[in-house]
Amino acid sequence: MPAEWERHEATWLSWPHKEESWPGAFETIPGVFAEIARELSMSELVRINVADEDMAEDVGILLKDAGARLDRIRFHFNPTNDAWARDHGPIYLVRDSGEDPQRVIVDWGYNAWGNKYPPHDLDDVVPARIAAESREPLFKPGIVLEGGSIDVNGRGTLLTTESCLLNPNRNPELNQTQIEKFLSDYLGVTNILWLGDGISGDDTDGHIDDLTRFVSADTVVTMIEEDPHDENHLPLQGNLRRLKQMRDERGEPLKIVTIQMPESIYFDGERLPASYANFYIANEAVLVPIYGGKHDAQALETFGNLFPGKRVKGIDCSRLVWGLGAIHCITQQQPWVPS
């Protein structure tokens, strides 16, 4: 599985339509998606799952008004239950040895984060539909796994969390050793690193893409909470302690860059999982979620230092996160291979 910063052919989105995913805020959400699609279209194709031609026409108008490069927009008629393409979309592997590089799709099972939000039947078949359209090989491990629960450095090391992958609402019949075997067999990884718990408000049971992400083969950014009275302080300190003991696939310590969590955001008295770790690395840009708080500027500066060759763009996700996700949760990269 290539790292996210490796060259993309495209980024996948699933266009939002489920109003109850953003209670009281849905009317603002298509505009946020259009802004993200515009930024992505500046450097790569944007492939968008829509229900039908009518939806494609409506979305096309919105994208045109947003200033997206329409020559880099492709619509695919794959109806979905919801818009979280990171978790229900195709996960790609690349075999780049020899004279015939090949891209394949791994179709993990999808059960809406432990059957929390039925129905999810349309989302579950999205990778198979995409593989059929693109005529690319499809592999089905037969276990549940969401794209947001893993992060890789493209050299054989994978980061994940115990709170998610070992949760009995995913694969209760499997233990940690068995899950690691699936990860090795179907993602090509050799070195699996386990963090502990996720952040407050995260309905995914602790996806890694709200916690700790690779930004290069040997470097991670990880969220911290400096306020000792905040409920995220202890779990994030626990993850930081683990990271300091971890080694990459070469046996070398990880380089660790810490980022302070955004100020807390609440909806109906419940904390939302706002995190700067939910960024997305495109070909020429890094899209970073911001939330209108005092820590936004420092986060953007940190990402600017980490990606000096890319344009770092802050996207206001203060409404998007009402759906309990941000930029990384709605995107899925399609790696480039020579034709």
C-alpha atoms as a PDB file:
ATOM      1  CA  MET A   1       0.000   0.000   0.000  1.00  0.00           C
ATOM      2  CA  PRO A   2       1.614   3.283  -1.086  1.00  0.00           C
ATOM      3  CA  ALA A   3       1.961   6.193   1.304  1.00  0.00           C
ATOM      4  CA  GLU A   4      -0.519   9.009   0.853  1.00  0.00           C
ATOM      5  CA  TRP A   5       2.166  11.450  -0.311  1.00  0.00           C
ATOM      6  CA  GLU A   6       3.125   9.232  -3.234  1.00  0.00           C
ATOM      7  CA  ARG A   7       1.817  10.398  -6.592  1.00  0.00           C
ATOM      8  CA  HIS A   8      -1.953  10.104  -7.131  1.00  0.00           C
ATOM      9  CA  GLU A   9      -3.919   9.589 -10.276  1.00  0.00           C
ATOM     10  CA  ALA A  10      -7.032  10.801  -8.467  1.00  0.00           C
ATOM     11  CA  THR A  11      -8.842  11.353  -5.201  1.00  0.00           C
ATOM     12  CA  TRP A  12     -12.231   9.724  -4.586  1.00  0.00           C
ATOM     13  CA  LEU A  13     -15.160  11.474  -2.927  1.00  0.00           C
ATOM     14  CA  SER A  14     -18.709  10.260  -2.242  1.00  0.00           C
ATOM     15  CA  TRP A  15     -21.056  13.214  -2.563  1.00  0.00           C
ATOM     16  CA  PRO A  16     -23.049  14.000   0.617  1.00  0.00           C
ATOM     17  CA  HIS A  17     -26.813  13.499   0.623  1.00  0.00           C
ATOM     18  CA  LYS A  18     -27.712  12.041   4.033  1.00  0.00           C
ATOM     19  CA  GLU A  19     -29.068  15.040   5.916  1.00  0.00           C
ATOM     20  CA  GLU A  20     -29.183  13.327   9.314  1.00  0.00           C
ATOM     21  CA  SER A  21     -25.399  12.915   9.234  1.00  0.00           C
ATOM     22  CA  TRP A  22     -25.133  16.694   9.736  1.00  0.00           C
ATOM     23  CA  PRO A  23     -28.148  17.598  11.867  1.00  0.00           C
ATOM     24  CA  GLY A  24     -28.994  21.254  11.494  1.00  0.00           C
ATOM     25  CA  ALA A  25     -26.005  21.938   9.249  1.00  0.00           C
ATOM     26  CA  PHE A  26     -26.472  19.865   6.091  1.00  0.00           C
ATOM     27  CA  GLU A  27     -27.224  22.843   3.846  1.00  0.00           C
ATOM     28  CA  THR A  28     -23.623  24.039   4.373  1.00  0.00           C
ATOM     29  CA  ILE A  29     -21.958  20.674   3.703  1.00  0.00           C
ATOM     30  CA  PRO A  30     -22.116  20.439  -0.129  1.00  0.00           C
ATOM     31  CA  GLY A  31     -20.320  23.782  -0.234  1.00  0.00           C
ATOM     32  CA  VAL A  32     -17.497  22.418   1.919  1.00  0.00           C
ATOM     33  CA  PHE A  33     -17.206  19.368  -0.336  1.00  0.00           C
ATOM     34  CA  ALA A  34     -17.132  21.678  -3.372  1.00  0.00           C
ATOM     35  CA  GLU A  35     -14.306  23.712  -1.819  1.00  0.00           C
ATOM     36  CA  ILE A  36     -12.313  20.545  -1.142  1.00  0.00           C
ATOM     37  CA  ALA A  37     -13.000  19.223  -4.658  1.00  0.00           C
ATOM     38  CA  ARG A  38     -11.834  22.539  -6.116  1.00  0.00           C
ATOM     39  CA  GLU A  39      -8.560  22.415  -4.205  1.00  0.00           C
ATOM     40  CA  LEU A  40      -7.983  18.790  -5.226  1.00  0.00           C
ATOM     41  CA  SER A  41      -8.770  19.502  -8.879  1.00  0.00           C
ATOM     42  CA  MET A  42      -5.835  21.900  -9.028  1.00  0.00           C
ATOM     43  CA  SER A  43      -3.429  18.952  -8.895  1.00  0.00           C
ATOM     44  CA  GLU A  44      -5.217  15.715  -9.793  1.00  0.00           C
ATOM     45  CA  LEU A  45      -8.404  14.087 -11.000  1.00  0.00           C
ATOM     46  CA  VAL A  46     -11.339  14.096  -8.600  1.00  0.00           C
ATOM     47  CA  ARG A  47     -13.561  11.027  -8.916  1.00  0.00           C
ATOM     48  CA  ILE A  48     -16.968  11.521  -7.319  1.00  0.00           C
ATOM     49  CA  ASN A  49     -19.493   8.813  -6.457  1.00  0.00           C
ATOM     50  CA  VAL A  50     -23.029  10.007  -7.196  1.00  0.00           C
ATOM     51  CA  ALA A  51     -26.370   8.226  -7.326  1.00  0.00           C
ATOM     52  CA  ASP A  52     -27.346   9.089 -10.895  1.00  0.00           C
ATOM     53  CA  GLU A  53     -27.107  11.597 -13.729  1.00  0.00           C
ATOM     54  CA  ASP A  54     -29.428  14.075 -12.028  1.00  0.00           C
ATOM     55  CA  MET A  55     -27.159  14.215  -9.001  1.00  0.00           C
ATOM     56  CA  ALA A  56     -24.104  14.527 -11.250  1.00  0.00           C
ATOM     57  CA  GLU A  57     -25.686  17.496 -13.020  1.00  0.00           C
ATOM     58  CA  ASP A  58     -26.506  19.252  -9.745  1.00  0.00           C
ATOM     59  CA  VAL A  59     -23.041  18.622  -8.330  1.00  0.00           C
ATOM     60  CA  GLY A  60     -21.437  19.798 -11.576  1.00  0.00           C
ATOM     61  CA  ILE A  61     -23.184  23.150 -11.267  1.00  0.00           C
ATOM     62  CA  LEU A  62     -22.027  23.503  -7.656  1.00  0.00           C
ATOM     63  CA  LEU A  63     -18.445  22.650  -8.612  1.00  0.00           C
ATOM     64  CA  LYS A  64     -18.469  25.118 -11.492  1.00  0.00           C
ATOM     65  CA  ASP A  65     -19.702  27.871  -9.165  1.00  0.00           C
ATOM     66  CA  ALA A  66     -16.961  26.936  -6.681  1.00  0.00           C
ATOM     67  CA  GLY A  67     -14.265  27.342  -9.339  1.00  0.00           C
ATOM     68  CA  ALA A  68     -13.244  23.698  -9.643  1.00  0.00           C
ATOM     69  CA  ARG A  69     -11.413  22.531 -12.747  1.00  0.00           C
ATOM     70  CA  LEU A  70     -14.223  20.659 -14.446  1.00  0.00           C
ATOM     71  CA  ASP A  71     -11.801  18.979 -16.854  1.00  0.00           C
ATOM     72  CA  ARG A  72     -10.450  17.111 -13.836  1.00  0.00           C
ATOM     73  CA  ILE A  73     -13.827  16.014 -12.432  1.00  0.00           C
ATOM     74  CA  ARG A  74     -15.145  12.507 -13.155  1.00  0.00           C
ATOM     75  CA  PHE A  75     -18.553  11.269 -11.981  1.00  0.00           C
ATOM     76  CA  HIS A  76     -19.132   7.592 -11.187  1.00  0.00           C
ATOM     77  CA  PHE A  77     -22.625   6.209 -10.710  1.00  0.00           C
ATOM     78  CA  ASN A  78     -22.121   4.420  -7.415  1.00  0.00           C
ATOM     79  CA  PRO A  79     -25.007   5.134  -5.032  1.00  0.00           C
ATOM     80  CA  THR A  80     -23.983   5.389  -1.384  1.00  0.00           C
ATOM     81  CA  ASN A  81     -25.598   5.443   2.044  1.00  0.00           C
ATOM     82  CA  ASP A  82     -23.277   8.189   3.288  1.00  0.00           C
ATOM     83  CA  ALA A  83     -20.281  10.291   2.309  1.00  0.00           C
ATOM     84  CA  TRP A  84     -17.319   8.789   4.202  1.00  0.00           C
ATOM     85  CA  ALA A  85     -15.233   7.578   1.268  1.00  0.00           C
ATOM     86  CA  ARG A  86     -12.145   6.990   3.402  1.00  0.00           C
ATOM     87  CA  ASP A  87     -13.929   4.145   5.126  1.00  0.00           C
ATOM     88  CA  HIS A  88     -16.110   2.641   2.397  1.00  0.00           C
ATOM     89  CA  GLY A  89     -14.010   3.471  -0.658  1.00  0.00           C
ATOM     90  CA  PRO A  90     -11.411   1.346  -2.454  1.00  0.00           C
ATOM     91  CA  ILE A  91      -8.037   0.791  -0.833  1.00  0.00           C
ATOM     92  CA  TYR A  92      -5.367   0.421  -3.492  1.00  0.00           C
ATOM     93  CA  LEU A  93      -2.182  -1.595  -3.612  1.00  0.00           C
ATOM     94  CA  VAL A  94       0.535  -1.205  -6.244  1.00  0.00           C
ATOM     95  CA  ARG A  95       2.993  -3.777  -7.486  1.00  0.00           C
ATOM     96  CA  ASP A  96       5.736  -1.641  -8.961  1.00  0.00           C
ATOM     97  CA  SER A  97       8.432  -4.254  -9.525  1.00  0.00           C
ATOM     98  CA  GLY A  98       9.212  -5.540 -12.985  1.00  0.00           C
ATOM     99  CA  GLU A  99       8.160  -4.049 -16.307  1.00  0.00           C
ATOM    100  CA  ASP A 100       4.403  -4.188 -15.749  1.00  0.00           C
ATOM    101  CA  PRO A 101       3.311  -2.143 -12.713  1.00  0.00           C
ATOM    102  CA  GLN A 102      -0.153  -3.139 -11.528  1.00  0.00           C
ATOM    103  CA  ARG A 103      -2.763  -1.491  -9.328  1.00  0.00           C
ATOM    104  CA  VAL A 104      -5.312  -3.594  -7.461  1.00  0.00           C
ATOM    105  CA  ILE A 105      -8.194  -2.902  -5.086  1.00  0.00           C
ATOM    106  CA  VAL A 106      -8.681  -4.461  -1.664  1.00  0.00           C
ATOM    107  CA  ASP A 107     -12.349  -4.661  -0.674  1.00  0.00           C
ATOM    108  CA  TRP A 108     -12.527  -4.886   3.108  1.00  0.00           C
ATOM    109  CA  GLY A 109     -15.894  -5.447   4.722  1.00  0.00           C
ATOM    110  CA  TYR A 110     -17.710  -2.332   5.896  1.00  0.00           C
ATOM    111  CA  ASN A 111     -20.306  -2.307   8.695  1.00  0.00           C
ATOM    112  CA  ALA A 112     -20.639   1.440   9.480  1.00  0.00           C
ATOM    113  CA  TRP A 113     -18.268   1.429  12.461  1.00  0.00           C
ATOM    114  CA  GLY A 114     -19.739  -1.527  14.287  1.00  0.00           C
ATOM    115  CA  ASN A 115     -23.282  -1.394  12.881  1.00  0.00           C
ATOM    116  CA  LYS A 116     -23.890   2.049  14.405  1.00  0.00           C
ATOM    117  CA  TYR A 117     -25.611   3.569  11.379  1.00  0.00           C
ATOM    118  CA  PRO A 118     -27.662   1.161   9.277  1.00  0.00           C
ATOM    119  CA  PRO A 119     -28.217   0.716   6.411  1.00  0.00           C
ATOM    120  CA  HIS A 120     -24.733   0.462   4.926  1.00  0.00           C
ATOM    121  CA  ASP A 121     -25.310  -2.021   2.104  1.00  0.00           C
ATOM    122  CA  LEU A 122     -24.627   0.476  -0.688  1.00  0.00           C
ATOM    123  CA  ASP A 123     -21.401   1.696   0.914  1.00  0.00           C
ATOM    124  CA  ASP A 124     -20.164  -1.854   1.412  1.00  0.00           C
ATOM    125  CA  VAL A 125     -20.169  -2.627  -2.329  1.00  0.00           C
ATOM    126  CA  VAL A 126     -18.517   0.594  -3.547  1.00  0.00           C
ATOM    127  CA  PRO A 127     -15.016  -0.941  -3.942  1.00  0.00           C
ATOM    128  CA  ALA A 128     -16.397  -3.871  -5.941  1.00  0.00           C
ATOM    129  CA  ARG A 129     -18.349  -1.529  -8.233  1.00  0.00           C
ATOM    130  CA  ILE A 130     -15.255   0.609  -8.817  1.00  0.00           C
ATOM    131  CA  ALA A 131     -13.110  -2.449  -9.538  1.00  0.00           C
ATOM    132  CA  ALA A 132     -15.665  -3.698 -12.058  1.00  0.00           C
ATOM    133  CA  GLU A 133     -15.763  -0.331 -13.822  1.00  0.00           C
ATOM    134  CA  SER A 134     -11.983   0.082 -13.904  1.00  0.00           C
ATOM    135  CA  ARG A 135     -11.386  -3.611 -14.676  1.00  0.00           C
ATOM    136  CA  GLU A 136      -8.800  -3.831 -11.943  1.00  0.00           C
ATOM    137  CA  PRO A 137      -8.222  -6.968  -9.840  1.00  0.00           C
ATOM    138  CA  LEU A 138     -10.208  -7.131  -6.594  1.00  0.00           C
ATOM    139  CA  PHE A 139      -9.226  -8.926  -3.416  1.00  0.00           C
ATOM    140  CA  LYS A 140     -11.671  -9.533  -0.555  1.00  0.00           C
ATOM    141  CA  PRO A 141     -10.076 -10.340   2.811  1.00  0.00           C
ATOM    142  CA  GLY A 142     -13.468 -11.149   4.330  1.00  0.00           C
ATOM    143  CA  ILE A 143     -13.063  -9.074   7.485  1.00  0.00           C
ATOM    144  CA  VAL A 144     -14.207  -5.586   8.484  1.00  0.00           C
ATOM    145  CA  LEU A 145     -11.735  -2.707   8.225  1.00  0.00           C
ATOM    146  CA  GLU A 146     -12.152   1.012   7.500  1.00  0.00           C
ATOM    147  CA  GLY A 147      -9.571   3.093   5.675  1.00  0.00           C
ATOM    148  CA  GLY A 148      -9.475   5.651   8.475  1.00  0.00           C
ATOM    149  CA  SER A 149      -8.307   3.021  10.945  1.00  0.00           C
ATOM    150  CA  ILE A 150      -4.894   2.562   9.290  1.00  0.00           C
ATOM    151  CA  ASP A 151      -2.025   4.735   8.097  1.00  0.00           C
ATOM    152  CA  VAL A 152       1.086   3.543   6.246  1.00  0.00           C
ATOM    153  CA  ASN A 153       4.498   4.925   5.373  1.00  0.00           C
ATOM    154  CA  GLY A 154       4.743   3.081   2.047  1.00  0.00           C
ATOM    155  CA  ARG A 155       7.810   1.161   3.216  1.00  0.00           C
ATOM    156  CA  GLY A 156       6.091  -1.578   5.193  1.00  0.00           C
ATOM    157  CA  THR A 157       5.087   0.111   8.462  1.00  0.00           C
ATOM    158  CA  LEU A 158       1.434   0.534   9.465  1.00  0.00           C
ATOM    159  CA  LEU A 159      -0.111   2.482  12.356  1.00  0.00           C
ATOM    160  CA  THR A 160      -3.456   1.563  13.907  1.00  0.00           C
ATOM    161  CA  THR A 161      -5.247   1.471  17.265  1.00  0.00           C
ATOM    162  CA  GLU A 162      -6.320  -1.235  19.645  1.00  0.00           C
ATOM    163  CA  SER A 163      -9.552   0.585  20.454  1.00  0.00           C
ATOM    164  CA  CYS A 164     -10.741   0.244  16.856  1.00  0.00           C
ATOM    165  CA  LEU A 165      -9.252  -2.859  15.258  1.00  0.00           C
ATOM    166  CA  LEU A 166      -9.605  -4.980  18.392  1.00  0.00           C
ATOM    167  CA  ASN A 167     -13.137  -3.762  19.083  1.00  0.00           C
ATOM    168  CA  PRO A 168     -15.579  -6.714  19.184  1.00  0.00           C
ATOM    169  CA  ASN A 169     -18.034  -4.766  17.023  1.00  0.00           C
ATOM    170  CA  ARG A 170     -15.735  -5.311  14.014  1.00  0.00           C
ATOM    171  CA  ASN A 171     -14.254  -8.818  13.978  1.00  0.00           C
ATOM    172  CA  PRO A 172     -15.077 -10.474  17.308  1.00  0.00           C
ATOM    173  CA  GLU A 173     -13.762 -13.843  16.174  1.00  0.00           C
ATOM    174  CA  LEU A 174     -10.223 -12.526  15.558  1.00  0.00           C
ATOM    175  CA  ASN A 175      -7.430 -11.781  18.018  1.00  0.00           C
ATOM    176  CA  GLN A 176      -4.599  -9.300  17.512  1.00  0.00           C
ATOM    177  CA  THR A 177      -2.232 -11.827  15.940  1.00  0.00           C
ATOM    178  CA  GLN A 178      -4.874 -12.926  13.448  1.00  0.00           C
ATOM    179  CA  ILE A 179      -5.719  -9.341  12.505  1.00  0.00           C
ATOM    180  CA  GLU A 180      -2.035  -8.591  11.985  1.00  0.00           C
ATOM    181  CA  LYS A 181      -1.864 -11.533   9.575  1.00  0.00           C
ATOM    182  CA  PHE A 182      -4.689 -10.030   7.499  1.00  0.00           C
ATOM    183  CA  LEU A 183      -2.961  -6.640   7.471  1.00  0.00           C
ATOM    184  CA  SER A 184       0.306  -8.200   6.338  1.00  0.00           C
ATOM    185  CA  ASP A 185      -1.288 -10.421   3.705  1.00  0.00           C
ATOM    186  CA  TYR A 186      -3.595  -7.822   2.169  1.00  0.00           C
ATOM    187  CA  LEU A 187      -1.675  -4.547   2.568  1.00  0.00           C
ATOM    188  CA  GLY A 188       1.886  -5.733   2.084  1.00  0.00           C
ATOM    189  CA  VAL A 189       3.062  -4.414   5.457  1.00  0.00           C
ATOM    190  CA  THR A 190       5.708  -6.016   7.634  1.00  0.00           C
ATOM    191  CA  ASN A 191       5.756  -3.793  10.725  1.00  0.00           C
ATOM    192  CA  ILE A 192       2.509  -3.073  12.596  1.00  0.00           C
ATOM    193  CA  LEU A 193       2.425  -0.441  15.347  1.00  0.00           C
ATOM    194  CA  TRP A 194      -0.475  -0.253  17.809  1.00  0.00           C
ATOM    195  CA  LEU A 195      -1.622   2.855  19.630  1.00  0.00           C
ATOM    196  CA  GLY A 196      -4.273   2.782  22.338  1.00  0.00           C
ATOM    197  CA  ASP A 197      -7.399   4.917  22.555  1.00  0.00           C
ATOM    198  CA  GLY A 198      -8.911   7.555  20.301  1.00  0.00           C
ATOM    199  CA  ILE A 199     -10.154  11.065  21.037  1.00  0.00           C
ATOM    200  CA  SER A 200     -13.395  12.030  22.724  1.00  0.00           C
ATOM    201  CA  GLY A 201     -16.418  12.183  20.440  1.00  0.00           C
ATOM    202  CA  ASP A 202     -14.989   9.830  17.835  1.00  0.00           C
ATOM    203  CA  ASP A 203     -17.778   7.407  16.891  1.00  0.00           C
ATOM    204  CA  THR A 204     -15.320   5.224  14.960  1.00  0.00           C
ATOM    205  CA  ASP A 205     -13.896   3.861  18.239  1.00  0.00           C
ATOM    206  CA  GLY A 206     -10.527   5.482  17.684  1.00  0.00           C
ATOM    207  CA  HIS A 207      -9.497   5.907  14.057  1.00  0.00           C
ATOM    208  CA  ILE A 208      -5.810   6.585  13.605  1.00  0.00           C
ATOM    209  CA  ASP A 209      -6.518   9.495  11.240  1.00  0.00           C
ATOM    210  CA  ASP A 210      -7.659  11.620  14.182  1.00  0.00           C
ATOM    211  CA  LEU A 211      -4.552  10.755  16.209  1.00  0.00           C
ATOM    212  CA  THR A 212      -1.252  10.077  14.472  1.00  0.00           C
ATOM    213  CA  ARG A 213      -0.261  10.192  10.808  1.00  0.00           C
ATOM    214  CA  PHE A 214       2.842   9.557   8.758  1.00  0.00           C
ATOM    215  CA  VAL A 215       4.141  12.640   6.953  1.00  0.00           C
ATOM    216  CA  SER A 216       7.260  10.888   5.613  1.00  0.00           C
ATOM    217  CA  ALA A 217       8.704   7.393   5.789  1.00  0.00           C
ATOM    218  CA  ASP A 218      10.288   8.043   9.200  1.00  0.00           C
ATOM    219  CA  THR A 219       8.209  10.898  10.647  1.00  0.00           C
ATOM    220  CA  VAL A 220       4.770  11.116  12.225  1.00  0.00           C
ATOM    221  CA  VAL A 221       2.639  13.972  13.484  1.00  0.00           C
ATOM    222  CA  THR A 222       0.661  13.171  16.595  1.00  0.00           C
ATOM    223  CA  MET A 223      -2.003  15.100  18.452  1.00  0.00           C
ATOM    224  CA  ILE A 224      -1.471  16.148  22.066  1.00  0.00           C
ATOM    225  CA  GLU A 225      -3.661  17.959  24.582  1.00  0.00           C
ATOM    226  CA  GLU A 226      -1.690  20.210  26.906  1.00  0.00           C
ATOM    227  CA  ASP A 227      -4.574  20.901  29.303  1.00  0.00           C
ATOM    228  CA  PRO A 228      -4.342  18.213  32.005  1.00  0.00           C
ATOM    229  CA  HIS A 229      -8.036  18.667  32.815  1.00  0.00           C
ATOM    230  CA  ASP A 230      -9.149  17.908  29.251  1.00  0.00           C
ATOM    231  CA  GLU A 231     -10.506  14.394  28.679  1.00  0.00           C
ATOM    232  CA  ASN A 232      -8.135  13.924  25.731  1.00  0.00           C
ATOM    233  CA  HIS A 233      -4.999  14.667  27.752  1.00  0.00           C
ATOM    234  CA  LEU A 234      -4.350  11.221  29.222  1.00  0.00           C
ATOM    235  CA  PRO A 235      -5.135   9.041  26.178  1.00  0.00           C
ATOM    236  CA  LEU A 236      -3.040  11.238  23.897  1.00  0.00           C
ATOM    237  CA  GLN A 237      -0.135  11.232  26.373  1.00  0.00           C
ATOM    238  CA  GLY A 238      -0.421   7.460  26.487  1.00  0.00           C
ATOM    239  CA  ASN A 239      -0.180   7.277  22.705  1.00  0.00           C
ATOM    240  CA  LEU A 240       2.810   9.636  22.723  1.00  0.00           C
ATOM    241  CA  ARG A 241       4.625   7.398  25.202  1.00  0.00           C
ATOM    242  CA  ARG A 242       4.022   4.412  22.949  1.00  0.00           C
ATOM    243  CA  LEU A 243       5.258   6.275  19.878  1.00  0.00           C
ATOM    244  CA  LYS A 244       8.521   7.100  21.621  1.00  0.00           C
ATOM    245  CA  GLN A 245       9.172   3.381  22.084  1.00  0.00           C
ATOM    246  CA  MET A 246       8.221   2.370  18.539  1.00  0.00           C
ATOM    247  CA  ARG A 247      10.532   1.547  15.641  1.00  0.00           C
ATOM    248  CA  ASP A 248       9.998   1.660  11.909  1.00  0.00           C
ATOM    249  CA  GLU A 249      10.566  -1.252   9.517  1.00  0.00           C
ATOM    250  CA  ARG A 250      14.331  -0.616   9.642  1.00  0.00           C
ATOM    251  CA  GLY A 251      14.413  -0.742  13.428  1.00  0.00           C
ATOM    252  CA  GLU A 252      14.923   3.025  13.685  1.00  0.00           C
ATOM    253  CA  PRO A 253      13.012   5.265  16.142  1.00  0.00           C
ATOM    254  CA  LEU A 254      10.207   7.343  14.704  1.00  0.00           C
ATOM    255  CA  LYS A 255      10.666  11.076  14.397  1.00  0.00           C
ATOM    256  CA  ILE A 256       7.722  12.631  16.224  1.00  0.00           C
ATOM    257  CA  VAL A 257       6.174  16.061  15.661  1.00  0.00           C
ATOM    258  CA  THR A 258       3.453  17.059  18.155  1.00  0.00           C
ATOM    259  CA  ILE A 259       0.463  19.280  17.385  1.00  0.00           C
ATOM    260  CA  GLN A 260      -1.840  20.745  20.013  1.00  0.00           C
ATOM    261  CA  MET A 261      -5.495  19.726  19.674  1.00  0.00           C
ATOM    262  CA  PRO A 262      -7.996  22.344  18.511  1.00  0.00           C
ATOM    263  CA  GLU A 263     -10.217  23.973  21.068  1.00  0.00           C
ATOM    264  CA  SER A 264     -13.153  21.730  21.901  1.00  0.00           C
ATOM    265  CA  ILE A 265     -16.312  21.935  19.776  1.00  0.00           C
ATOM    266  CA  TYR A 266     -19.703  20.735  21.005  1.00  0.00           C
ATOM    267  CA  PHE A 267     -23.047  19.986  19.379  1.00  0.00           C
ATOM    268  CA  ASP A 268     -26.130  19.319  21.500  1.00  0.00           C
ATOM    269  CA  GLY A 269     -23.872  18.949  24.523  1.00  0.00           C
ATOM    270  CA  GLU A 270     -21.680  16.280  22.917  1.00  0.00           C
ATOM    271  CA  ARG A 271     -18.035  16.826  22.074  1.00  0.00           C
ATOM    272  CA  LEU A 272     -17.106  16.535  18.398  1.00  0.00           C
ATOM    273  CA  PRO A 273     -13.885  14.830  17.199  1.00  0.00           C
ATOM    274  CA  ALA A 274     -12.151  17.954  15.887  1.00  0.00           C
ATOM    275  CA  SER A 275      -8.523  17.151  15.076  1.00  0.00           C
ATOM    276  CA  TYR A 276      -5.791  18.596  12.877  1.00  0.00           C
ATOM    277  CA  ALA A 277      -4.607  15.026  12.178  1.00  0.00           C
ATOM    278  CA  ASN A 278      -7.517  14.617   9.751  1.00  0.00           C
ATOM    279  CA  PHE A 279      -5.534  16.301   6.953  1.00  0.00           C
ATOM    280  CA  TYR A 280      -5.164  14.997   3.397  1.00  0.00           C
ATOM    281  CA  ILE A 281      -2.010  14.969   1.262  1.00  0.00           C
ATOM    282  CA  ALA A 282      -2.768  15.670  -2.410  1.00  0.00           C
ATOM    283  CA  ASN A 283      -0.244  15.822  -5.252  1.00  0.00           C
ATOM    284  CA  GLU A 284       0.494  19.523  -4.867  1.00  0.00           C
ATOM    285  CA  ALA A 285      -1.305  20.492  -1.682  1.00  0.00           C
ATOM    286  CA  VAL A 286      -1.973  19.499   1.901  1.00  0.00           C
ATOM    287  CA  LEU A 287      -5.545  20.210   2.966  1.00  0.00           C
ATOM    288  CA  VAL A 288      -5.718  20.815   6.705  1.00  0.00           C
ATOM    289  CA  PRO A 289      -8.943  21.040   8.724  1.00  0.00           C
ATOM    290  CA  ILE A 290      -9.245  24.220  10.765  1.00  0.00           C
ATOM    291  CA  TYR A 291     -11.962  25.115  13.224  1.00  0.00           C
ATOM    292  CA  GLY A 292     -11.810  28.858  13.857  1.00  0.00           C
ATOM    293  CA  GLY A 293      -9.809  28.552  17.073  1.00  0.00           C
ATOM    294  CA  LYS A 294      -6.581  29.924  18.469  1.00  0.00           C
ATOM    295  CA  HIS A 295      -4.518  26.849  17.561  1.00  0.00           C
ATOM    296  CA  ASP A 296      -5.314  26.891  13.819  1.00  0.00           C
ATOM    297  CA  ALA A 297      -2.416  29.162  12.829  1.00  0.00           C
ATOM    298  CA  GLN A 298       0.187  27.081  14.660  1.00  0.00           C
ATOM    299  CA  ALA A 299      -1.119  23.878  13.080  1.00  0.00           C
ATOM    300  CA  LEU A 300      -0.927  25.383   9.597  1.00  0.00           C
ATOM    301  CA  GLU A 301       2.602  26.625  10.260  1.00  0.00           C
ATOM    302  CA  THR A 302       3.643  23.138  11.394  1.00  0.00           C
ATOM    303  CA  PHE A 303       2.286  21.548   8.233  1.00  0.00           C
ATOM    304  CA  GLY A 304       3.971  24.220   6.144  1.00  0.00           C
ATOM    305  CA  ASN A 305       7.305  23.254   7.698  1.00  0.00           C
ATOM    306  CA  LEU A 306       6.614  19.547   7.160  1.00  0.00           C
ATOM    307  CA  PHE A 307       5.647  19.942   3.492  1.00  0.00           C
ATOM    308  CA  PRO A 308       7.817  22.772   2.108  1.00  0.00           C
ATOM    309  CA  GLY A 309       7.185  21.708  -1.498  1.00  0.00           C
ATOM    310  CA  LYS A 310       3.393  21.757  -1.239  1.00  0.00           C
ATOM    311  CA  ARG A 311       0.708  24.380  -0.842  1.00  0.00           C
ATOM    312  CA  VAL A 312      -0.826  24.091   2.635  1.00  0.00           C
ATOM    313  CA  LYS A 313      -4.489  25.073   2.589  1.00  0.00           C
ATOM    314  CA  GLY A 314      -6.685  25.380   5.655  1.00  0.00           C
ATOM    315  CA  ILE A 315     -10.304  24.313   5.137  1.00  0.00           C
ATOM    316  CA  ASP A 316     -12.936  25.446   7.650  1.00  0.00           C
ATOM    317  CA  CYS A 317     -14.336  22.169   8.999  1.00  0.00           C
ATOM    318  CA  SER A 318     -16.259  23.599  11.932  1.00  0.00           C
ATOM    319  CA  ARG A 319     -19.516  22.427  10.298  1.00  0.00           C
ATOM    320  CA  LEU A 320     -18.142  19.362   8.506  1.00  0.00           C
ATOM    321  CA  VAL A 321     -17.091  17.906  11.866  1.00  0.00           C
ATOM    322  CA  TRP A 322     -20.743  17.968  12.975  1.00  0.00           C
ATOM    323  CA  GLY A 323     -20.862  14.748  10.945  1.00  0.00           C
ATOM    324  CA  LEU A 324     -18.050  13.394  13.186  1.00  0.00           C
ATOM    325  CA  GLY A 325     -15.357  13.539  10.507  1.00  0.00           C
ATOM    326  CA  ALA A 326     -13.253  15.973   8.488  1.00  0.00           C
ATOM    327  CA  ILE A 327     -11.133  16.083   5.305  1.00  0.00           C
ATOM    328  CA  HIS A 328      -9.336  12.756   5.534  1.00  0.00           C
ATOM    329  CA  CYS A 329     -12.601  10.984   6.340  1.00  0.00           C
ATOM    330  CA  ILE A 330     -14.203  12.039   3.049  1.00  0.00           C
ATOM    331  CA  THR A 331     -11.235  11.385   0.729  1.00  0.00           C
ATOM    332  CA  GLN A 332      -9.528   8.264  -0.595  1.00  0.00           C
ATOM    333  CA  GLN A 333      -6.437   8.341  -2.770  1.00  0.00           C
ATOM    334  CA  GLN A 334      -6.005   6.423  -6.022  1.00  0.00           C
ATOM    335  CA  PRO A 335      -2.271   5.933  -6.605  1.00  0.00           C
ATOM    336  CA  TRP A 336      -0.788   6.608 -10.022  1.00  0.00           C
ATOM    337  CA  VAL A 337       0.742   3.823 -12.077  1.00  0.00           C
ATOM    338  CA  PRO A 338       2.390   4.140 -15.519  1.00  0.00           C
ATOM    339  CA  SER A 339       0.017   3.290 -18.361  1.00  0.00           C
END
